[in-house]
Amino acid sequence: VLALGTTLPELVVSITAARQGKASLAVGNILGSCVFNALVVVGAGAVYGTVRVPPELTGFALPFVVGASLLFYLLVQDRRISSWEGMLFLVMYALFILKVSGLA
């Protein structure tokens, strides 16, 4: 709920920036929001207690995200994200959600 509440305003800002041709602002805004949510939410939880990492996270989700991040870095070296690259990441996201939810 916290991540959704903080990400939706960032999404609106990113869409507005992308429509105005400010792609770097849009990408930076999204990445910054995701990194902030990942680090602050886990860090705040760790302040109040122990954070246990399930084996499913280290076995699938973490390697998947690291691989997707590396692929993203390699694909944006030309400072452009083409429509097929965007579609690739949407498909990867859908497969990730299906796998994590147990539907695939």
PDB file of N, CA and C in Angstrom:
ATOM      1  N   VAL A   1       0.838  -1.186   0.000  1.00  0.00           N
ATOM      2  CA  VAL A   1       0.000   0.000   0.000  1.00  0.00           C
ATOM      3  C   VAL A   1       0.881   1.246   0.000  1.00  0.00           C
ATOM      4  N   LEU A   2       1.942   1.208   0.786  1.00  0.00           N
ATOM      5  CA  LEU A   2       2.845   2.357   0.838  1.00  0.00           C
ATOM      6  C   LEU A   2       3.491   2.599  -0.520  1.00  0.00           C
ATOM      7  N   ALA A   3       3.969   1.532  -1.151  1.00  0.00           N
ATOM      8  CA  ALA A   3       4.617   1.674  -2.460  1.00  0.00           C
ATOM      9  C   ALA A   3       3.631   2.191  -3.504  1.00  0.00           C
ATOM     10  N   LEU A   4       2.395   1.705  -3.468  1.00  0.00           N
ATOM     11  CA  LEU A   4       1.389   2.160  -4.428  1.00  0.00           C
ATOM     12  C   LEU A   4       1.095   3.641  -4.221  1.00  0.00           C
ATOM     13  N   GLY A   5       0.957   4.051  -2.976  1.00  0.00           N
ATOM     14  CA  GLY A   5       0.656   5.450  -2.668  1.00  0.00           C
ATOM     15  C   GLY A   5       1.766   6.408  -3.056  1.00  0.00           C
ATOM     16  N   THR A   6       3.005   5.948  -2.996  1.00  0.00           N
ATOM     17  CA  THR A   6       4.110   6.829  -3.368  1.00  0.00           C
ATOM     18  C   THR A   6       4.453   6.730  -4.851  1.00  0.00           C
ATOM     19  N   THR A   7       4.073   5.638  -5.510  1.00  0.00           N
ATOM     20  CA  THR A   7       4.424   5.450  -6.909  1.00  0.00           C
ATOM     21  C   THR A   7       3.428   6.099  -7.857  1.00  0.00           C
ATOM     22  N   LEU A   8       2.156   6.123  -7.523  1.00  0.00           N
ATOM     23  CA  LEU A   8       1.160   6.702  -8.428  1.00  0.00           C
ATOM     24  C   LEU A   8       1.423   8.170  -8.761  1.00  0.00           C
ATOM     25  N   PRO A   9       1.740   9.030  -7.791  1.00  0.00           N
ATOM     26  CA  PRO A   9       2.073  10.412  -8.162  1.00  0.00           C
ATOM     27  C   PRO A   9       3.320  10.490  -9.055  1.00  0.00           C
ATOM     28  N   GLU A  10       4.291   9.623  -8.785  1.00  0.00           N
ATOM     29  CA  GLU A  10       5.499   9.596  -9.615  1.00  0.00           C
ATOM     30  C   GLU A  10       5.166   9.169 -11.035  1.00  0.00           C
ATOM     31  N   LEU A  11       4.223   8.266 -11.180  1.00  0.00           N
ATOM     32  CA  LEU A  11       3.805   7.802 -12.502  1.00  0.00           C
ATOM     33  C   LEU A  11       3.182   8.948 -13.297  1.00  0.00           C
ATOM     34  N   VAL A  12       2.344   9.739 -12.643  1.00  0.00           N
ATOM     35  CA  VAL A  12       1.708  10.879 -13.312  1.00  0.00           C
ATOM     36  C   VAL A  12       2.766  11.885 -13.761  1.00  0.00           C
ATOM     37  N   VAL A  13       3.728  12.178 -12.893  1.00  0.00           N
ATOM     38  CA  VAL A  13       4.798  13.110 -13.250  1.00  0.00           C
ATOM     39  C   VAL A  13       5.607  12.561 -14.416  1.00  0.00           C
ATOM     40  N   SER A  14       5.900  11.263 -14.396  1.00  0.00           N
ATOM     41  CA  SER A  14       6.690  10.650 -15.465  1.00  0.00           C
ATOM     42  C   SER A  14       5.952  10.652 -16.794  1.00  0.00           C
ATOM     43  N   ILE A  15       4.661  10.382 -16.776  1.00  0.00           N
ATOM     44  CA  ILE A  15       3.874  10.411 -18.013  1.00  0.00           C
ATOM     45  C   ILE A  15       3.832  11.830 -18.570  1.00  0.00           C
ATOM     46  N   THR A  16       3.643  12.807 -17.708  1.00  0.00           N
ATOM     47  CA  THR A  16       3.627  14.205 -18.139  1.00  0.00           C
ATOM     48  C   THR A  16       4.980  14.601 -18.734  1.00  0.00           C
ATOM     49  N   ALA A  17       6.063  14.192 -18.078  1.00  0.00           N
ATOM     50  CA  ALA A  17       7.403  14.520 -18.584  1.00  0.00           C
ATOM     51  C   ALA A  17       7.656  13.845 -19.927  1.00  0.00           C
ATOM     52  N   ALA A  18       7.235  12.603 -20.072  1.00  0.00           N
ATOM     53  CA  ALA A  18       7.437  11.885 -21.335  1.00  0.00           C
ATOM     54  C   ALA A  18       6.645  12.538 -22.460  1.00  0.00           C
ATOM     55  N   ARG A  19       5.436  12.989 -22.181  1.00  0.00           N
ATOM     56  CA  ARG A  19       4.628  13.661 -23.211  1.00  0.00           C
ATOM     57  C   ARG A  19       5.233  14.999 -23.634  1.00  0.00           C
ATOM     58  N   GLN A  20       5.982  15.620 -22.728  1.00  0.00           N
ATOM     59  CA  GLN A  20       6.628  16.898 -23.048  1.00  0.00           C
ATOM     60  C   GLN A  20       8.016  16.693 -23.653  1.00  0.00           C
ATOM     61  N   GLY A  21       8.383  15.433 -23.898  1.00  0.00           N
ATOM     62  CA  GLY A  21       9.666  15.140 -24.522  1.00  0.00           C
ATOM     63  C   GLY A  21      10.843  15.118 -23.566  1.00  0.00           C
ATOM     64  N   LYS A  22      10.578  15.016 -22.284  1.00  0.00           N
ATOM     65  CA  LYS A  22      11.640  14.984 -21.275  1.00  0.00           C
ATOM     66  C   LYS A  22      11.798  13.554 -20.764  1.00  0.00           C
ATOM     67  N   ALA A  23      12.268  12.676 -21.647  1.00  0.00           N
ATOM     68  CA  ALA A  23      12.365  11.248 -21.340  1.00  0.00           C
ATOM     69  C   ALA A  23      13.317  10.980 -20.187  1.00  0.00           C
ATOM     70  N   SER A  24      14.448  11.707 -20.117  1.00  0.00           N
ATOM     71  CA  SER A  24      15.387  11.438 -19.030  1.00  0.00           C
ATOM     72  C   SER A  24      14.787  11.766 -17.674  1.00  0.00           C
ATOM     73  N   LEU A  25      13.964  12.785 -17.610  1.00  0.00           N
ATOM     74  CA  LEU A  25      13.288  13.113 -16.366  1.00  0.00           C
ATOM     75  C   LEU A  25      12.311  12.002 -15.994  1.00  0.00           C
ATOM     76  N   ALA A  26      11.597  11.485 -16.979  1.00  0.00           N
ATOM     77  CA  ALA A  26      10.633  10.416 -16.729  1.00  0.00           C
ATOM     78  C   ALA A  26      11.320   9.157 -16.216  1.00  0.00           C
ATOM     79  N   VAL A  27      12.392   8.738 -16.877  1.00  0.00           N
ATOM     80  CA  VAL A  27      13.109   7.522 -16.464  1.00  0.00           C
ATOM     81  C   VAL A  27      13.750   7.728 -15.095  1.00  0.00           C
ATOM     82  N   GLY A  28      14.382   8.863 -14.882  1.00  0.00           N
ATOM     83  CA  GLY A  28      15.007   9.146 -13.594  1.00  0.00           C
ATOM     84  C   GLY A  28      13.999   9.187 -12.463  1.00  0.00           C
ATOM     85  N   ASN A  29      12.834   9.733 -12.729  1.00  0.00           N
ATOM     86  CA  ASN A  29      11.778   9.820 -11.726  1.00  0.00           C
ATOM     87  C   ASN A  29      11.300   8.424 -11.337  1.00  0.00           C
ATOM     88  N   ILE A  30      11.068   7.578 -12.319  1.00  0.00           N
ATOM     89  CA  ILE A  30      10.589   6.219 -12.039  1.00  0.00           C
ATOM     90  C   ILE A  30      11.652   5.417 -11.302  1.00  0.00           C
ATOM     91  N   LEU A  31      12.886   5.453 -11.807  1.00  0.00           N
ATOM     92  CA  LEU A  31      13.954   4.690 -11.153  1.00  0.00           C
ATOM     93  C   LEU A  31      14.217   5.191  -9.744  1.00  0.00           C
ATOM     94  N   GLY A  32      14.228   6.494  -9.562  1.00  0.00           N
ATOM     95  CA  GLY A  32      14.447   7.053  -8.232  1.00  0.00           C
ATOM     96  C   GLY A  32      13.359   6.645  -7.259  1.00  0.00           C
ATOM     97  N   SER A  33      12.127   6.653  -7.720  1.00  0.00           N
ATOM     98  CA  SER A  33      11.010   6.257  -6.871  1.00  0.00           C
ATOM     99  C   SER A  33      11.112   4.788  -6.486  1.00  0.00           C
ATOM    100  N   CYS A  34      11.454   3.949  -7.442  1.00  0.00           N
ATOM    101  CA  CYS A  34      11.563   2.512  -7.161  1.00  0.00           C
ATOM    102  C   CYS A  34      12.709   2.216  -6.200  1.00  0.00           C
ATOM    103  N   VAL A  35      13.845   2.861  -6.413  1.00  0.00           N
ATOM    104  CA  VAL A  35      14.989   2.645  -5.527  1.00  0.00           C
ATOM    105  C   VAL A  35      14.661   3.149  -4.124  1.00  0.00           C
ATOM    106  N   PHE A  36      14.046   4.311  -4.039  1.00  0.00           N
ATOM    107  CA  PHE A  36      13.669   4.857  -2.732  1.00  0.00           C
ATOM    108  C   PHE A  36      12.718   3.905  -2.007  1.00  0.00           C
ATOM    109  N   ASN A  37      11.686   3.434  -2.711  1.00  0.00           N
ATOM    110  CA  ASN A  37      10.728   2.524  -2.079  1.00  0.00           C
ATOM    111  C   ASN A  37      11.399   1.237  -1.622  1.00  0.00           C
ATOM    112  N   ALA A  38      12.243   0.679  -2.453  1.00  0.00           N
ATOM    113  CA  ALA A  38      12.898  -0.583  -2.108  1.00  0.00           C
ATOM    114  C   ALA A  38      13.807  -0.423  -0.891  1.00  0.00           C
ATOM    115  N   LEU A  39      14.555   0.655  -0.832  1.00  0.00           N
ATOM    116  CA  LEU A  39      15.511   0.814   0.256  1.00  0.00           C
ATOM    117  C   LEU A  39      14.876   1.329   1.539  1.00  0.00           C
ATOM    118  N   VAL A  40      13.982   2.303   1.434  1.00  0.00           N
ATOM    119  CA  VAL A  40      13.406   2.897   2.638  1.00  0.00           C
ATOM    120  C   VAL A  40      12.401   1.960   3.312  1.00  0.00           C
ATOM    121  N   VAL A  41      11.569   1.292   2.526  1.00  0.00           N
ATOM    122  CA  VAL A  41      10.573   0.399   3.125  1.00  0.00           C
ATOM    123  C   VAL A  41      11.258  -0.750   3.851  1.00  0.00           C
ATOM    124  N   VAL A  42      12.246  -1.363   3.217  1.00  0.00           N
ATOM    125  CA  VAL A  42      12.971  -2.458   3.869  1.00  0.00           C
ATOM    126  C   VAL A  42      13.778  -1.931   5.046  1.00  0.00           C
ATOM    127  N   GLY A  43      14.417  -0.780   4.872  1.00  0.00           N
ATOM    128  CA  GLY A  43      15.196  -0.197   5.963  1.00  0.00           C
ATOM    129  C   GLY A  43      14.337   0.156   7.169  1.00  0.00           C
ATOM    130  N   ALA A  44      13.162   0.720   6.915  1.00  0.00           N
ATOM    131  CA  ALA A  44      12.261   1.068   8.028  1.00  0.00           C
ATOM    132  C   ALA A  44      11.779  -0.194   8.740  1.00  0.00           C
ATOM    133  N   GLY A  45      11.516  -1.236   7.980  1.00  0.00           N
ATOM    134  CA  GLY A  45      11.112  -2.504   8.601  1.00  0.00           C
ATOM    135  C   GLY A  45      12.227  -3.105   9.429  1.00  0.00           C
ATOM    136  N   ALA A  46      13.460  -2.972   8.962  1.00  0.00           N
ATOM    137  CA  ALA A  46      14.602  -3.525   9.684  1.00  0.00           C
ATOM    138  C   ALA A  46      14.880  -2.770  10.980  1.00  0.00           C
ATOM    139  N   VAL A  47      14.490  -1.492  11.038  1.00  0.00           N
ATOM    140  CA  VAL A  47      14.683  -0.720  12.263  1.00  0.00           C
ATOM    141  C   VAL A  47      13.829  -1.294  13.392  1.00  0.00           C
ATOM    142  N   TYR A  48      12.637  -1.765  13.060  1.00  0.00           N
ATOM    143  CA  TYR A  48      11.703  -2.252  14.075  1.00  0.00           C
ATOM    144  C   TYR A  48      11.793  -3.744  14.339  1.00  0.00           C
ATOM    145  N   GLY A  49      12.512  -4.477  13.536  1.00  0.00           N
ATOM    146  CA  GLY A  49      12.617  -5.921  13.752  1.00  0.00           C
ATOM    147  C   GLY A  49      13.487  -6.565  12.694  1.00  0.00           C
ATOM    148  N   THR A  50      13.536  -7.859  12.748  1.00  0.00           N
ATOM    149  CA  THR A  50      14.347  -8.613  11.807  1.00  0.00           C
ATOM    150  C   THR A  50      13.589  -8.792  10.496  1.00  0.00           C
ATOM    151  N   VAL A  51      14.279  -8.594   9.409  1.00  0.00           N
ATOM    152  CA  VAL A  51      13.695  -8.805   8.090  1.00  0.00           C
ATOM    153  C   VAL A  51      14.170 -10.165   7.599  1.00  0.00           C
ATOM    154  N   ARG A  52      13.243 -11.080   7.410  1.00  0.00           N
ATOM    155  CA  ARG A  52      13.580 -12.416   6.929  1.00  0.00           C
ATOM    156  C   ARG A  52      13.337 -12.473   5.423  1.00  0.00           C
ATOM    157  N   VAL A  53      14.300 -12.993   4.711  1.00  0.00           N
ATOM    158  CA  VAL A  53      14.208 -13.089   3.259  1.00  0.00           C
ATOM    159  C   VAL A  53      13.861 -14.529   2.896  1.00  0.00           C
ATOM    160  N   PRO A  54      12.689 -14.750   2.282  1.00  0.00           N
ATOM    161  CA  PRO A  54      12.309 -16.113   1.918  1.00  0.00           C
ATOM    162  C   PRO A  54      13.188 -16.653   0.795  1.00  0.00           C
ATOM    163  N   PRO A  55      13.375 -17.969   0.749  1.00  0.00           N
ATOM    164  CA  PRO A  55      14.224 -18.563  -0.293  1.00  0.00           C
ATOM    165  C   PRO A  55      13.712 -18.292  -1.707  1.00  0.00           C
ATOM    166  N   GLU A  56      12.396 -18.118  -1.872  1.00  0.00           N
ATOM    167  CA  GLU A  56      11.849 -17.826  -3.193  1.00  0.00           C
ATOM    168  C   GLU A  56      12.384 -16.508  -3.736  1.00  0.00           C
ATOM    169  N   LEU A  57      12.633 -15.568  -2.835  1.00  0.00           N
ATOM    170  CA  LEU A  57      13.140 -14.265  -3.255  1.00  0.00           C
ATOM    171  C   LEU A  57      14.564 -14.386  -3.778  1.00  0.00           C
ATOM    172  N   THR A  58      15.401 -15.076  -3.035  1.00  0.00           N
ATOM    173  CA  THR A  58      16.801 -15.201  -3.459  1.00  0.00           C
ATOM    174  C   THR A  58      16.960 -16.200  -4.601  1.00  0.00           C
ATOM    175  N   GLY A  59      16.005 -17.089  -4.776  1.00  0.00           N
ATOM    176  CA  GLY A  59      16.106 -18.090  -5.828  1.00  0.00           C
ATOM    177  C   GLY A  59      15.594 -17.623  -7.179  1.00  0.00           C
ATOM    178  N   PHE A  60      14.571 -16.759  -7.213  1.00  0.00           N
ATOM    179  CA  PHE A  60      14.004 -16.317  -8.490  1.00  0.00           C
ATOM    180  C   PHE A  60      13.937 -14.801  -8.623  1.00  0.00           C
ATOM    181  N   ALA A  61      13.268 -14.153  -7.705  1.00  0.00           N
ATOM    182  CA  ALA A  61      12.969 -12.727  -7.858  1.00  0.00           C
ATOM    183  C   ALA A  61      14.230 -11.868  -7.911  1.00  0.00           C
ATOM    184  N   LEU A  62      15.140 -12.077  -6.990  1.00  0.00           N
ATOM    185  CA  LEU A  62      16.343 -11.249  -6.958  1.00  0.00           C
ATOM    186  C   LEU A  62      17.193 -11.432  -8.218  1.00  0.00           C
ATOM    187  N   PRO A  63      17.496 -12.664  -8.653  1.00  0.00           N
ATOM    188  CA  PRO A  63      18.245 -12.812  -9.911  1.00  0.00           C
ATOM    189  C   PRO A  63      17.500 -12.239 -11.121  1.00  0.00           C
ATOM    190  N   PHE A  64      16.169 -12.357 -11.136  1.00  0.00           N
ATOM    191  CA  PHE A  64      15.381 -11.818 -12.241  1.00  0.00           C
ATOM    192  C   PHE A  64      15.512 -10.305 -12.306  1.00  0.00           C
ATOM    193  N   VAL A  65      15.405  -9.640 -11.175  1.00  0.00           N
ATOM    194  CA  VAL A  65      15.488  -8.182 -11.135  1.00  0.00           C
ATOM    195  C   VAL A  65      16.897  -7.712 -11.488  1.00  0.00           C
ATOM    196  N   VAL A  66      17.904  -8.419 -11.011  1.00  0.00           N
ATOM    197  CA  VAL A  66      19.283  -8.056 -11.357  1.00  0.00           C
ATOM    198  C   VAL A  66      19.495  -8.210 -12.868  1.00  0.00           C
ATOM    199  N   GLY A  67      19.005  -9.310 -13.442  1.00  0.00           N
ATOM    200  CA  GLY A  67      19.124  -9.518 -14.887  1.00  0.00           C
ATOM    201  C   GLY A  67      18.369  -8.476 -15.681  1.00  0.00           C
ATOM    202  N   ALA A  68      17.162  -8.139 -15.252  1.00  0.00           N
ATOM    203  CA  ALA A  68      16.373  -7.120 -15.942  1.00  0.00           C
ATOM    204  C   ALA A  68      17.051  -5.754 -15.853  1.00  0.00           C
ATOM    205  N   SER A  69      17.659  -5.457 -14.720  1.00  0.00           N
ATOM    206  CA  SER A  69      18.372  -4.184 -14.564  1.00  0.00           C
ATOM    207  C   SER A  69      19.575  -4.121 -15.489  1.00  0.00           C
ATOM    208  N   LEU A  70      20.318  -5.220 -15.583  1.00  0.00           N
ATOM    209  CA  LEU A  70      21.465  -5.268 -16.482  1.00  0.00           C
ATOM    210  C   LEU A  70      21.018  -5.133 -17.936  1.00  0.00           C
ATOM    211  N   LEU A  71      19.938  -5.819 -18.305  1.00  0.00           N
ATOM    212  CA  LEU A  71      19.401  -5.711 -19.660  1.00  0.00           C
ATOM    213  C   LEU A  71      18.951  -4.283 -19.948  1.00  0.00           C
ATOM    214  N   PHE A  72      18.291  -3.642 -18.992  1.00  0.00           N
ATOM    215  CA  PHE A  72      17.858  -2.253 -19.160  1.00  0.00           C
ATOM    216  C   PHE A  72      19.063  -1.346 -19.390  1.00  0.00           C
ATOM    217  N   TYR A  73      20.104  -1.540 -18.589  1.00  0.00           N
ATOM    218  CA  TYR A  73      21.314  -0.724 -18.731  1.00  0.00           C
ATOM    219  C   TYR A  73      21.905  -0.888 -20.129  1.00  0.00           C
ATOM    220  N   LEU A  74      21.983  -2.108 -20.616  1.00  0.00           N
ATOM    221  CA  LEU A  74      22.556  -2.353 -21.934  1.00  0.00           C
ATOM    222  C   LEU A  74      21.687  -1.786 -23.059  1.00  0.00           C
ATOM    223  N   LEU A  75      20.368  -1.863 -22.906  1.00  0.00           N
ATOM    224  CA  LEU A  75      19.474  -1.397 -23.961  1.00  0.00           C
ATOM    225  C   LEU A  75      19.395   0.126 -24.066  1.00  0.00           C
ATOM    226  N   VAL A  76      19.669   0.833 -22.993  1.00  0.00           N
ATOM    227  CA  VAL A  76      19.543   2.298 -23.031  1.00  0.00           C
ATOM    228  C   VAL A  76      20.872   3.004 -23.269  1.00  0.00           C
ATOM    229  N   GLN A  77      21.869   2.283 -23.721  1.00  0.00           N
ATOM    230  CA  GLN A  77      23.155   2.909 -24.014  1.00  0.00           C
ATOM    231  C   GLN A  77      23.037   3.935 -25.135  1.00  0.00           C
ATOM    232  N   ASP A  78      22.063   3.759 -26.031  1.00  0.00           N
ATOM    233  CA  ASP A  78      21.860   4.738 -27.101  1.00  0.00           C
ATOM    234  C   ASP A  78      20.932   5.876 -26.678  1.00  0.00           C
ATOM    235  N   ARG A  79      20.570   5.902 -25.386  1.00  0.00           N
ATOM    236  CA  ARG A  79      19.715   6.945 -24.791  1.00  0.00           C
ATOM    237  C   ARG A  79      18.304   6.970 -25.373  1.00  0.00           C
ATOM    238  N   ARG A  80      17.867   5.834 -25.873  1.00  0.00           N
ATOM    239  CA  ARG A  80      16.509   5.719 -26.413  1.00  0.00           C
ATOM    240  C   ARG A  80      15.939   4.373 -25.992  1.00  0.00           C
ATOM    241  N   ILE A  81      14.644   4.344 -25.786  1.00  0.00           N
ATOM    242  CA  ILE A  81      13.942   3.090 -25.528  1.00  0.00           C
ATOM    243  C   ILE A  81      12.930   2.936 -26.649  1.00  0.00           C
ATOM    244  N   SER A  82      13.164   1.966 -27.498  1.00  0.00           N
ATOM    245  CA  SER A  82      12.265   1.766 -28.637  1.00  0.00           C
ATOM    246  C   SER A  82      10.992   1.063 -28.175  1.00  0.00           C
ATOM    247  N   SER A  83      10.023   1.007 -29.062  1.00  0.00           N
ATOM    248  CA  SER A  83       8.750   0.376 -28.690  1.00  0.00           C
ATOM    249  C   SER A  83       8.929  -1.116 -28.446  1.00  0.00           C
ATOM    250  N   TRP A  84       9.799  -1.792 -29.193  1.00  0.00           N
ATOM    251  CA  TRP A  84       9.984  -3.229 -28.960  1.00  0.00           C
ATOM    252  C   TRP A  84      10.697  -3.466 -27.634  1.00  0.00           C
ATOM    253  N   GLU A  85      11.598  -2.552 -27.230  1.00  0.00           N
ATOM    254  CA  GLU A  85      12.258  -2.688 -25.930  1.00  0.00           C
ATOM    255  C   GLU A  85      11.255  -2.482 -24.796  1.00  0.00           C
ATOM    256  N   GLY A  86      10.372  -1.509 -24.963  1.00  0.00           N
ATOM    257  CA  GLY A  86       9.324  -1.291 -23.977  1.00  0.00           C
ATOM    258  C   GLY A  86       8.395  -2.483 -23.875  1.00  0.00           C
ATOM    259  N   MET A  87       8.031  -3.052 -25.026  1.00  0.00           N
ATOM    260  CA  MET A  87       7.165  -4.233 -25.040  1.00  0.00           C
ATOM    261  C   MET A  87       7.866  -5.425 -24.380  1.00  0.00           C
ATOM    262  N   LEU A  88       9.172  -5.565 -24.618  1.00  0.00           N
ATOM    263  CA  LEU A  88       9.941  -6.639 -23.992  1.00  0.00           C
ATOM    264  C   LEU A  88       9.859  -6.550 -22.473  1.00  0.00           C
ATOM    265  N   PHE A  89      10.017  -5.346 -21.947  1.00  0.00           N
ATOM    266  CA  PHE A  89       9.962  -5.189 -20.498  1.00  0.00           C
ATOM    267  C   PHE A  89       8.550  -5.379 -19.953  1.00  0.00           C
ATOM    268  N   LEU A  90       7.528  -5.006 -20.704  1.00  0.00           N
ATOM    269  CA  LEU A  90       6.150  -5.274 -20.265  1.00  0.00           C
ATOM    270  C   LEU A  90       5.877  -6.776 -20.213  1.00  0.00           C
ATOM    271  N   VAL A  91       6.355  -7.507 -21.201  1.00  0.00           N
ATOM    272  CA  VAL A  91       6.183  -8.964 -21.216  1.00  0.00           C
ATOM    273  C   VAL A  91       6.966  -9.597 -20.060  1.00  0.00           C
ATOM    274  N   MET A  92       8.197  -9.113 -19.845  1.00  0.00           N
ATOM    275  CA  MET A  92       8.989  -9.630 -18.729  1.00  0.00           C
ATOM    276  C   MET A  92       8.293  -9.356 -17.394  1.00  0.00           C
ATOM    277  N   TYR A  93       7.705  -8.184 -17.266  1.00  0.00           N
ATOM    278  CA  TYR A  93       6.987  -7.841 -16.037  1.00  0.00           C
ATOM    279  C   TYR A  93       5.785  -8.755 -15.831  1.00  0.00           C
ATOM    280  N   ALA A  94       5.027  -8.986 -16.899  1.00  0.00           N
ATOM    281  CA  ALA A  94       3.859  -9.867 -16.806  1.00  0.00           C
ATOM    282  C   ALA A  94       4.281 -11.283 -16.415  1.00  0.00           C
ATOM    283  N   LEU A  95       5.339 -11.783 -17.018  1.00  0.00           N
ATOM    284  CA  LEU A  95       5.831 -13.124 -16.667  1.00  0.00           C
ATOM    285  C   LEU A  95       6.322 -13.171 -15.223  1.00  0.00           C
ATOM    286  N   PHE A  96       6.978 -12.113 -14.790  1.00  0.00           N
ATOM    287  CA  PHE A  96       7.449 -12.042 -13.410  1.00  0.00           C
ATOM    288  C   PHE A  96       6.274 -12.092 -12.428  1.00  0.00           C
ATOM    289  N   ILE A  97       5.244 -11.297 -12.698  1.00  0.00           N
ATOM    290  CA  ILE A  97       4.067 -11.267 -11.816  1.00  0.00           C
ATOM    291  C   ILE A  97       3.380 -12.634 -11.804  1.00  0.00           C
ATOM    292  N   LEU A  98       3.244 -13.250 -12.971  1.00  0.00           N
ATOM    293  CA  LEU A  98       2.622 -14.579 -13.033  1.00  0.00           C
ATOM    294  C   LEU A  98       3.425 -15.596 -12.234  1.00  0.00           C
ATOM    295  N   LYS A  99       4.735 -15.571 -12.353  1.00  0.00           N
ATOM    296  CA  LYS A  99       5.590 -16.529 -11.651  1.00  0.00           C
ATOM    297  C   LYS A  99       5.541 -16.297 -10.148  1.00  0.00           C
ATOM    298  N   VAL A 100       5.653 -15.055  -9.730  1.00  0.00           N
ATOM    299  CA  VAL A 100       5.663 -14.746  -8.292  1.00  0.00           C
ATOM    300  C   VAL A 100       4.315 -15.057  -7.654  1.00  0.00           C
ATOM    301  N   SER A 101       3.229 -14.823  -8.391  1.00  0.00           N
ATOM    302  CA  SER A 101       1.897 -15.085  -7.835  1.00  0.00           C
ATOM    303  C   SER A 101       1.542 -16.571  -7.863  1.00  0.00           C
ATOM    304  N   GLY A 102       2.337 -17.379  -8.556  1.00  0.00           N
ATOM    305  CA  GLY A 102       2.084 -18.809  -8.597  1.00  0.00           C
ATOM    306  C   GLY A 102       1.132 -19.234  -9.710  1.00  0.00           C
ATOM    307  N   LEU A 103       0.811 -18.332 -10.604  1.00  0.00           N
ATOM    308  CA  LEU A 103      -0.109 -18.661 -11.698  1.00  0.00           C
ATOM    309  C   LEU A 103       0.607 -19.295 -12.876  1.00  0.00           C
ATOM    310  N   ALA A 104       1.921 -19.216 -12.919  1.00  0.00           N
ATOM    311  CA  ALA A 104       2.674 -19.822 -14.031  1.00  0.00           C
ATOM    312  C   ALA A 104       3.736 -20.755 -13.531  1.00  0.00           C
TER     313      ALA A 104
END
